[in-house]
Amino acid sequence: MTEGGKLIIFSAPSGSGKTTIVKYLLEQPELNLAFSVSATSRPRRGREKHGVNYYFMSISEFKKHIKNDDFLEWEEVYRDNFYGTLKSEVARLWAEGKNVIFDIDVVGGLRIKKKYPKQTLAVFVKPPSVDELKIRLKKRSTESDDKINMRVAKASVELATAPQFDKVIKNYDLEIALKEAHQLVADFVGASTPNQEEE
């Protein structure tokens, strides 16, 4: 894969608010961001669209891509539940002259950082606490209690990886977290932000 623009990774335990932060950043034109759509073998939920939320694939299709080395990174998050970043997706966005932003799980985020250390900014979004995380996941009411407990158990492990990231944003207050994320990304991609105040 040829070198292109910058890569910006947002990783966090499920329910930390990283998706909200990524959506906000994508709406800021001066950052010149495009979203990297991940591939997954999990079934669609609700109104999810193929090619917008994810590239939905069967397990055998996903495994074929693994065999062909089509992924920048991939992993089996839960049994038979694969997620990955297609090299072709990043190449496509780079060809459009964009900086690529990822909303990706911790392991995948660190793998990309390792492959492209110089052009990657890896940001970890920290929830106020694991208890707060559980409350947020329950409020979503998209998953069973078992699934939520699995995610909470996984969150404790993921929180331990925070020091391996370039930056950590604590999402106690969404407004502050959004400002912080915007500043980090703007500095990294070399965009001037409106009303940039002197420190």
C-alpha atoms as a PDB file:
ATOM      1  CA  MET A   1       0.000   0.000   0.000  1.00  0.00           C
ATOM      2  CA  THR A   2       1.507   3.329  -0.977  1.00  0.00           C
ATOM      3  CA  GLU A   3       1.978   6.039   1.599  1.00  0.00           C
ATOM      4  CA  GLY A   4      -0.721   8.676   1.544  1.00  0.00           C
ATOM      5  CA  GLY A   5      -2.301  11.117   3.962  1.00  0.00           C
ATOM      6  CA  LYS A   6      -2.488  10.885   7.711  1.00  0.00           C
ATOM      7  CA  LEU A   7      -4.222   8.164   9.711  1.00  0.00           C
ATOM      8  CA  ILE A   8      -6.203   9.106  12.808  1.00  0.00           C
ATOM      9  CA  ILE A   9      -7.317   6.325  15.100  1.00  0.00           C
ATOM     10  CA  PHE A  10      -9.960   6.586  17.786  1.00  0.00           C
ATOM     11  CA  SER A  11     -10.145   3.522  19.990  1.00  0.00           C
ATOM     12  CA  ALA A  12     -12.049   2.923  23.186  1.00  0.00           C
ATOM     13  CA  PRO A  13     -14.180   0.427  25.001  1.00  0.00           C
ATOM     14  CA  SER A  14     -17.694   0.167  23.584  1.00  0.00           C
ATOM     15  CA  GLY A  15     -19.880   2.978  24.975  1.00  0.00           C
ATOM     16  CA  SER A  16     -17.056   5.469  25.644  1.00  0.00           C
ATOM     17  CA  GLY A  17     -18.385   7.927  23.087  1.00  0.00           C
ATOM     18  CA  LYS A  18     -15.727   7.487  20.419  1.00  0.00           C
ATOM     19  CA  THR A  19     -18.306   7.178  17.627  1.00  0.00           C
ATOM     20  CA  THR A  20     -19.877  10.508  18.635  1.00  0.00           C
ATOM     21  CA  ILE A  21     -16.434  12.143  18.631  1.00  0.00           C
ATOM     22  CA  VAL A  22     -15.512  10.684  15.222  1.00  0.00           C
ATOM     23  CA  LYS A  23     -18.837  11.831  13.704  1.00  0.00           C
ATOM     24  CA  TYR A  24     -18.225  15.339  15.014  1.00  0.00           C
ATOM     25  CA  LEU A  25     -14.681  15.456  13.581  1.00  0.00           C
ATOM     26  CA  LEU A  26     -15.890  14.276  10.172  1.00  0.00           C
ATOM     27  CA  GLU A  27     -18.172  17.325  10.040  1.00  0.00           C
ATOM     28  CA  GLN A  28     -15.198  19.732  10.373  1.00  0.00           C
ATOM     29  CA  PRO A  29     -14.177  20.547   6.753  1.00  0.00           C
ATOM     30  CA  GLU A  30     -10.760  22.015   7.613  1.00  0.00           C
ATOM     31  CA  LEU A  31      -9.594  18.615   8.914  1.00  0.00           C
ATOM     32  CA  ASN A  32     -10.139  16.997   5.473  1.00  0.00           C
ATOM     33  CA  LEU A  33     -11.172  13.657   6.984  1.00  0.00           C
ATOM     34  CA  ALA A  34     -12.791  10.614   5.455  1.00  0.00           C
ATOM     35  CA  PHE A  35     -14.120   7.674   7.431  1.00  0.00           C
ATOM     36  CA  SER A  36     -12.605   4.237   6.986  1.00  0.00           C
ATOM     37  CA  VAL A  37     -15.494   1.781   6.815  1.00  0.00           C
ATOM     38  CA  SER A  38     -14.547  -1.495   8.493  1.00  0.00           C
ATOM     39  CA  ALA A  39     -15.449  -4.951   7.288  1.00  0.00           C
ATOM     40  CA  THR A  40     -17.286  -7.318   9.628  1.00  0.00           C
ATOM     41  CA  SER A  41     -18.747 -10.779   9.641  1.00  0.00           C
ATOM     42  CA  ARG A  42     -21.429  -9.877  12.172  1.00  0.00           C
ATOM     43  CA  PRO A  43     -25.031  -9.481  11.009  1.00  0.00           C
ATOM     44  CA  ARG A  44     -26.447  -6.013  10.391  1.00  0.00           C
ATOM     45  CA  ARG A  45     -28.215  -4.266  13.239  1.00  0.00           C
ATOM     46  CA  GLY A  46     -31.243  -2.066  12.773  1.00  0.00           C
ATOM     47  CA  ARG A  47     -30.848   0.331   9.863  1.00  0.00           C
ATOM     48  CA  GLU A  48     -27.190  -0.317   9.160  1.00  0.00           C
ATOM     49  CA  LYS A  49     -26.188  -0.067   5.519  1.00  0.00           C
ATOM     50  CA  HIS A  50     -23.556  -2.044   3.643  1.00  0.00           C
ATOM     51  CA  GLY A  51     -20.657   0.218   2.649  1.00  0.00           C
ATOM     52  CA  VAL A  52     -21.803   2.977   5.022  1.00  0.00           C
ATOM     53  CA  ASN A  53     -21.674   1.487   8.513  1.00  0.00           C
ATOM     54  CA  TYR A  54     -19.655  -1.595   7.588  1.00  0.00           C
ATOM     55  CA  TYR A  55     -18.801  -3.844   4.704  1.00  0.00           C
ATOM     56  CA  PHE A  56     -20.874  -6.836   5.749  1.00  0.00           C
ATOM     57  CA  MET A  57     -19.417 -10.216   4.767  1.00  0.00           C
ATOM     58  CA  SER A  58     -20.042 -13.850   5.483  1.00  0.00           C
ATOM     59  CA  ILE A  59     -17.483 -15.602   7.698  1.00  0.00           C
ATOM     60  CA  SER A  60     -16.112 -17.529   4.709  1.00  0.00           C
ATOM     61  CA  GLU A  61     -15.819 -14.333   2.660  1.00  0.00           C
ATOM     62  CA  PHE A  62     -13.960 -12.644   5.515  1.00  0.00           C
ATOM     63  CA  LYS A  63     -11.580 -15.590   5.870  1.00  0.00           C
ATOM     64  CA  LYS A  64     -10.868 -15.478   2.145  1.00  0.00           C
ATOM     65  CA  HIS A  65      -9.795 -11.837   2.475  1.00  0.00           C
ATOM     66  CA  ILE A  66      -7.529 -12.810   5.399  1.00  0.00           C
ATOM     67  CA  LYS A  67      -5.922 -15.508   3.256  1.00  0.00           C
ATOM     68  CA  ASN A  68      -5.375 -13.021   0.418  1.00  0.00           C
ATOM     69  CA  ASP A  69      -3.737 -10.530   2.815  1.00  0.00           C
ATOM     70  CA  ASP A  70      -6.344  -7.894   1.953  1.00  0.00           C
ATOM     71  CA  PHE A  71      -6.500  -6.446   5.459  1.00  0.00           C
ATOM     72  CA  LEU A  72      -4.399  -3.742   7.059  1.00  0.00           C
ATOM     73  CA  GLU A  73      -5.482  -5.287  10.348  1.00  0.00           C
ATOM     74  CA  TRP A  74      -8.182  -7.724  11.419  1.00  0.00           C
ATOM     75  CA  GLU A  75      -9.229  -9.692  14.452  1.00  0.00           C
ATOM     76  CA  GLU A  76     -11.796 -12.106  15.756  1.00  0.00           C
ATOM     77  CA  VAL A  77     -13.356  -9.925  18.447  1.00  0.00           C
ATOM     78  CA  TYR A  78     -15.804 -12.548  19.652  1.00  0.00           C
ATOM     79  CA  ARG A  79     -16.128 -16.078  18.349  1.00  0.00           C
ATOM     80  CA  ASP A  80     -16.868 -15.991  14.588  1.00  0.00           C
ATOM     81  CA  ASN A  81     -17.270 -12.236  14.882  1.00  0.00           C
ATOM     82  CA  PHE A  82     -14.541 -10.741  12.708  1.00  0.00           C
ATOM     83  CA  TYR A  83     -13.695  -7.089  12.161  1.00  0.00           C
ATOM     84  CA  GLY A  84     -11.022  -5.651   9.900  1.00  0.00           C
ATOM     85  CA  THR A  85      -9.754  -2.738   7.835  1.00  0.00           C
ATOM     86  CA  LEU A  86      -9.415  -3.400   4.116  1.00  0.00           C
ATOM     87  CA  LYS A  87      -6.229  -2.031   2.541  1.00  0.00           C
ATOM     88  CA  SER A  88      -8.302  -1.079  -0.502  1.00  0.00           C
ATOM     89  CA  GLU A  89     -10.512   1.160   1.674  1.00  0.00           C
ATOM     90  CA  VAL A  90      -7.563   3.188   2.981  1.00  0.00           C
ATOM     91  CA  ALA A  91      -5.956   3.336  -0.495  1.00  0.00           C
ATOM     92  CA  ARG A  92      -9.265   4.620  -1.954  1.00  0.00           C
ATOM     93  CA  LEU A  93      -9.521   7.434   0.612  1.00  0.00           C
ATOM     94  CA  TRP A  94      -5.860   8.373   0.251  1.00  0.00           C
ATOM     95  CA  ALA A  95      -6.353   8.544  -3.516  1.00  0.00           C
ATOM     96  CA  GLU A  96      -9.062  11.143  -2.840  1.00  0.00           C
ATOM     97  CA  GLY A  97      -6.449  13.179  -0.959  1.00  0.00           C
ATOM     98  CA  LYS A  98      -8.092  12.623   2.428  1.00  0.00           C
ATOM     99  CA  ASN A  99      -6.790  11.979   5.923  1.00  0.00           C
ATOM    100  CA  VAL A 100      -8.335   8.738   7.102  1.00  0.00           C
ATOM    101  CA  ILE A 101     -10.115   8.481  10.447  1.00  0.00           C
ATOM    102  CA  PHE A 102     -10.874   5.162  12.153  1.00  0.00           C
ATOM    103  CA  ASP A 103     -13.413   4.263  14.818  1.00  0.00           C
ATOM    104  CA  ILE A 104     -11.785   0.997  15.695  1.00  0.00           C
ATOM    105  CA  ASP A 105     -11.188  -1.410  18.499  1.00  0.00           C
ATOM    106  CA  VAL A 106      -8.044  -1.127  20.635  1.00  0.00           C
ATOM    107  CA  VAL A 107      -6.098  -4.055  19.172  1.00  0.00           C
ATOM    108  CA  GLY A 108      -6.776  -2.982  15.575  1.00  0.00           C
ATOM    109  CA  GLY A 109      -5.857   0.605  16.366  1.00  0.00           C
ATOM    110  CA  LEU A 110      -2.497  -0.350  17.833  1.00  0.00           C
ATOM    111  CA  ARG A 111      -1.759  -2.637  14.861  1.00  0.00           C
ATOM    112  CA  ILE A 112      -2.247   0.215  12.402  1.00  0.00           C
ATOM    113  CA  LYS A 113      -0.100   2.498  14.568  1.00  0.00           C
ATOM    114  CA  LYS A 114       2.656  -0.116  14.467  1.00  0.00           C
ATOM    115  CA  LYS A 115       2.515  -0.377  10.665  1.00  0.00           C
ATOM    116  CA  TYR A 116       2.465   3.382  10.040  1.00  0.00           C
ATOM    117  CA  PRO A 117       4.061   4.899  13.154  1.00  0.00           C
ATOM    118  CA  LYS A 118       4.979   8.258  11.628  1.00  0.00           C
ATOM    119  CA  GLN A 119       1.711   9.087   9.932  1.00  0.00           C
ATOM    120  CA  THR A 120      -0.659   7.792  12.596  1.00  0.00           C
ATOM    121  CA  LEU A 121      -2.198   9.594  15.551  1.00  0.00           C
ATOM    122  CA  ALA A 122      -3.704   7.043  17.942  1.00  0.00           C
ATOM    123  CA  VAL A 123      -6.208   8.434  20.445  1.00  0.00           C
ATOM    124  CA  PHE A 124      -7.757   6.469  23.286  1.00  0.00           C
ATOM    125  CA  VAL A 125     -11.136   7.648  24.595  1.00  0.00           C
ATOM    126  CA  LYS A 126     -11.564   6.885  28.265  1.00  0.00           C
ATOM    127  CA  PRO A 127     -15.021   6.595  29.826  1.00  0.00           C
ATOM    128  CA  PRO A 128     -15.510   8.162  33.263  1.00  0.00           C
ATOM    129  CA  SER A 129     -15.641   4.664  34.801  1.00  0.00           C
ATOM    130  CA  VAL A 130     -16.531   1.072  34.012  1.00  0.00           C
ATOM    131  CA  ASP A 131     -19.812   1.544  35.918  1.00  0.00           C
ATOM    132  CA  GLU A 132     -20.693   4.545  33.773  1.00  0.00           C
ATOM    133  CA  LEU A 133     -19.879   2.445  30.715  1.00  0.00           C
ATOM    134  CA  LYS A 134     -22.349  -0.215  31.817  1.00  0.00           C
ATOM    135  CA  ILE A 135     -25.060   2.447  32.260  1.00  0.00           C
ATOM    136  CA  ARG A 136     -24.379   3.849  28.763  1.00  0.00           C
ATOM    137  CA  LEU A 137     -24.496   0.401  27.159  1.00  0.00           C
ATOM    138  CA  LYS A 138     -27.761  -0.426  28.933  1.00  0.00           C
ATOM    139  CA  LYS A 139     -29.289   2.869  27.742  1.00  0.00           C
ATOM    140  CA  ARG A 140     -28.582   1.915  24.136  1.00  0.00           C
ATOM    141  CA  SER A 141     -30.750  -1.184  24.645  1.00  0.00           C
ATOM    142  CA  THR A 142     -29.410  -2.795  21.477  1.00  0.00           C
ATOM    143  CA  GLU A 143     -27.894  -5.814  23.218  1.00  0.00           C
ATOM    144  CA  SER A 144     -28.689  -8.497  25.770  1.00  0.00           C
ATOM    145  CA  ASP A 145     -27.342  -8.341  29.339  1.00  0.00           C
ATOM    146  CA  ASP A 146     -24.918 -11.149  28.493  1.00  0.00           C
ATOM    147  CA  LYS A 147     -23.501  -9.163  25.589  1.00  0.00           C
ATOM    148  CA  ILE A 148     -23.242  -6.047  27.780  1.00  0.00           C
ATOM    149  CA  ASN A 149     -21.384  -8.001  30.475  1.00  0.00           C
ATOM    150  CA  MET A 150     -19.007  -9.347  27.819  1.00  0.00           C
ATOM    151  CA  ARG A 151     -18.334  -5.809  26.629  1.00  0.00           C
ATOM    152  CA  VAL A 152     -17.779  -4.546  30.174  1.00  0.00           C
ATOM    153  CA  ALA A 153     -15.321  -7.365  30.905  1.00  0.00           C
ATOM    154  CA  LYS A 154     -13.505  -6.545  27.663  1.00  0.00           C
ATOM    155  CA  ALA A 155     -13.477  -2.837  28.601  1.00  0.00           C
ATOM    156  CA  SER A 156     -11.382  -3.480  31.721  1.00  0.00           C
ATOM    157  CA  VAL A 157      -8.737  -5.184  29.563  1.00  0.00           C
ATOM    158  CA  GLU A 158      -8.904  -2.420  26.941  1.00  0.00           C
ATOM    159  CA  LEU A 159      -8.493   0.349  29.532  1.00  0.00           C
ATOM    160  CA  ALA A 160      -5.126  -1.165  30.443  1.00  0.00           C
ATOM    161  CA  THR A 161      -3.855  -0.453  26.896  1.00  0.00           C
ATOM    162  CA  ALA A 162      -4.470   3.325  27.136  1.00  0.00           C
ATOM    163  CA  PRO A 163      -0.771   4.140  27.830  1.00  0.00           C
ATOM    164  CA  GLN A 164       0.202   2.609  24.454  1.00  0.00           C
ATOM    165  CA  PHE A 165      -1.730   5.342  22.627  1.00  0.00           C
ATOM    166  CA  ASP A 166      -0.328   8.743  21.643  1.00  0.00           C
ATOM    167  CA  LYS A 167      -3.070  10.626  23.471  1.00  0.00           C
ATOM    168  CA  VAL A 168      -5.828   9.845  25.928  1.00  0.00           C
ATOM    169  CA  ILE A 169      -9.050  11.861  26.018  1.00  0.00           C
ATOM    170  CA  LYS A 170     -11.212  11.465  29.110  1.00  0.00           C
ATOM    171  CA  ASN A 171     -14.843  11.675  28.075  1.00  0.00           C
ATOM    172  CA  TYR A 172     -16.387  13.002  31.289  1.00  0.00           C
ATOM    173  CA  ASP A 173     -17.939  15.961  29.532  1.00  0.00           C
ATOM    174  CA  LEU A 174     -18.702  15.526  25.831  1.00  0.00           C
ATOM    175  CA  GLU A 175     -18.284  19.227  24.915  1.00  0.00           C
ATOM    176  CA  ILE A 176     -14.778  19.292  26.387  1.00  0.00           C
ATOM    177  CA  ALA A 177     -13.882  15.933  24.821  1.00  0.00           C
ATOM    178  CA  LEU A 178     -14.980  17.186  21.382  1.00  0.00           C
ATOM    179  CA  LYS A 179     -12.893  20.353  21.693  1.00  0.00           C
ATOM    180  CA  GLU A 180      -9.881  18.368  22.834  1.00  0.00           C
ATOM    181  CA  ALA A 181     -10.245  15.855  19.989  1.00  0.00           C
ATOM    182  CA  HIS A 182     -10.616  18.646  17.437  1.00  0.00           C
ATOM    183  CA  GLN A 183      -7.472  20.400  18.664  1.00  0.00           C
ATOM    184  CA  LEU A 184      -5.427  17.180  18.640  1.00  0.00           C
ATOM    185  CA  VAL A 185      -6.462  16.257  15.103  1.00  0.00           C
ATOM    186  CA  ALA A 186      -6.074  19.815  13.769  1.00  0.00           C
ATOM    187  CA  ASP A 187      -2.521  19.991  15.144  1.00  0.00           C
ATOM    188  CA  PHE A 188      -1.697  16.581  13.709  1.00  0.00           C
ATOM    189  CA  VAL A 189      -2.992  17.228  10.193  1.00  0.00           C
ATOM    190  CA  GLY A 190      -1.711  20.812  10.201  1.00  0.00           C
ATOM    191  CA  ALA A 191      -5.111  22.472   9.901  1.00  0.00           C
ATOM    192  CA  SER A 192      -5.634  25.877  11.395  1.00  0.00           C
ATOM    193  CA  THR A 193      -8.623  25.845  13.665  1.00  0.00           C
ATOM    194  CA  PRO A 194     -11.063  28.732  13.840  1.00  0.00           C
ATOM    195  CA  ASN A 195     -10.604  30.874  16.982  1.00  0.00           C
ATOM    196  CA  GLN A 196      -7.316  29.230  17.893  1.00  0.00           C
ATOM    197  CA  GLU A 197      -6.412  30.835  21.169  1.00  0.00           C
ATOM    198  CA  GLU A 198      -2.891  31.279  22.379  1.00  0.00           C
ATOM    199  CA  GLU A 199      -2.049  28.860  25.156  1.00  0.00           C
END
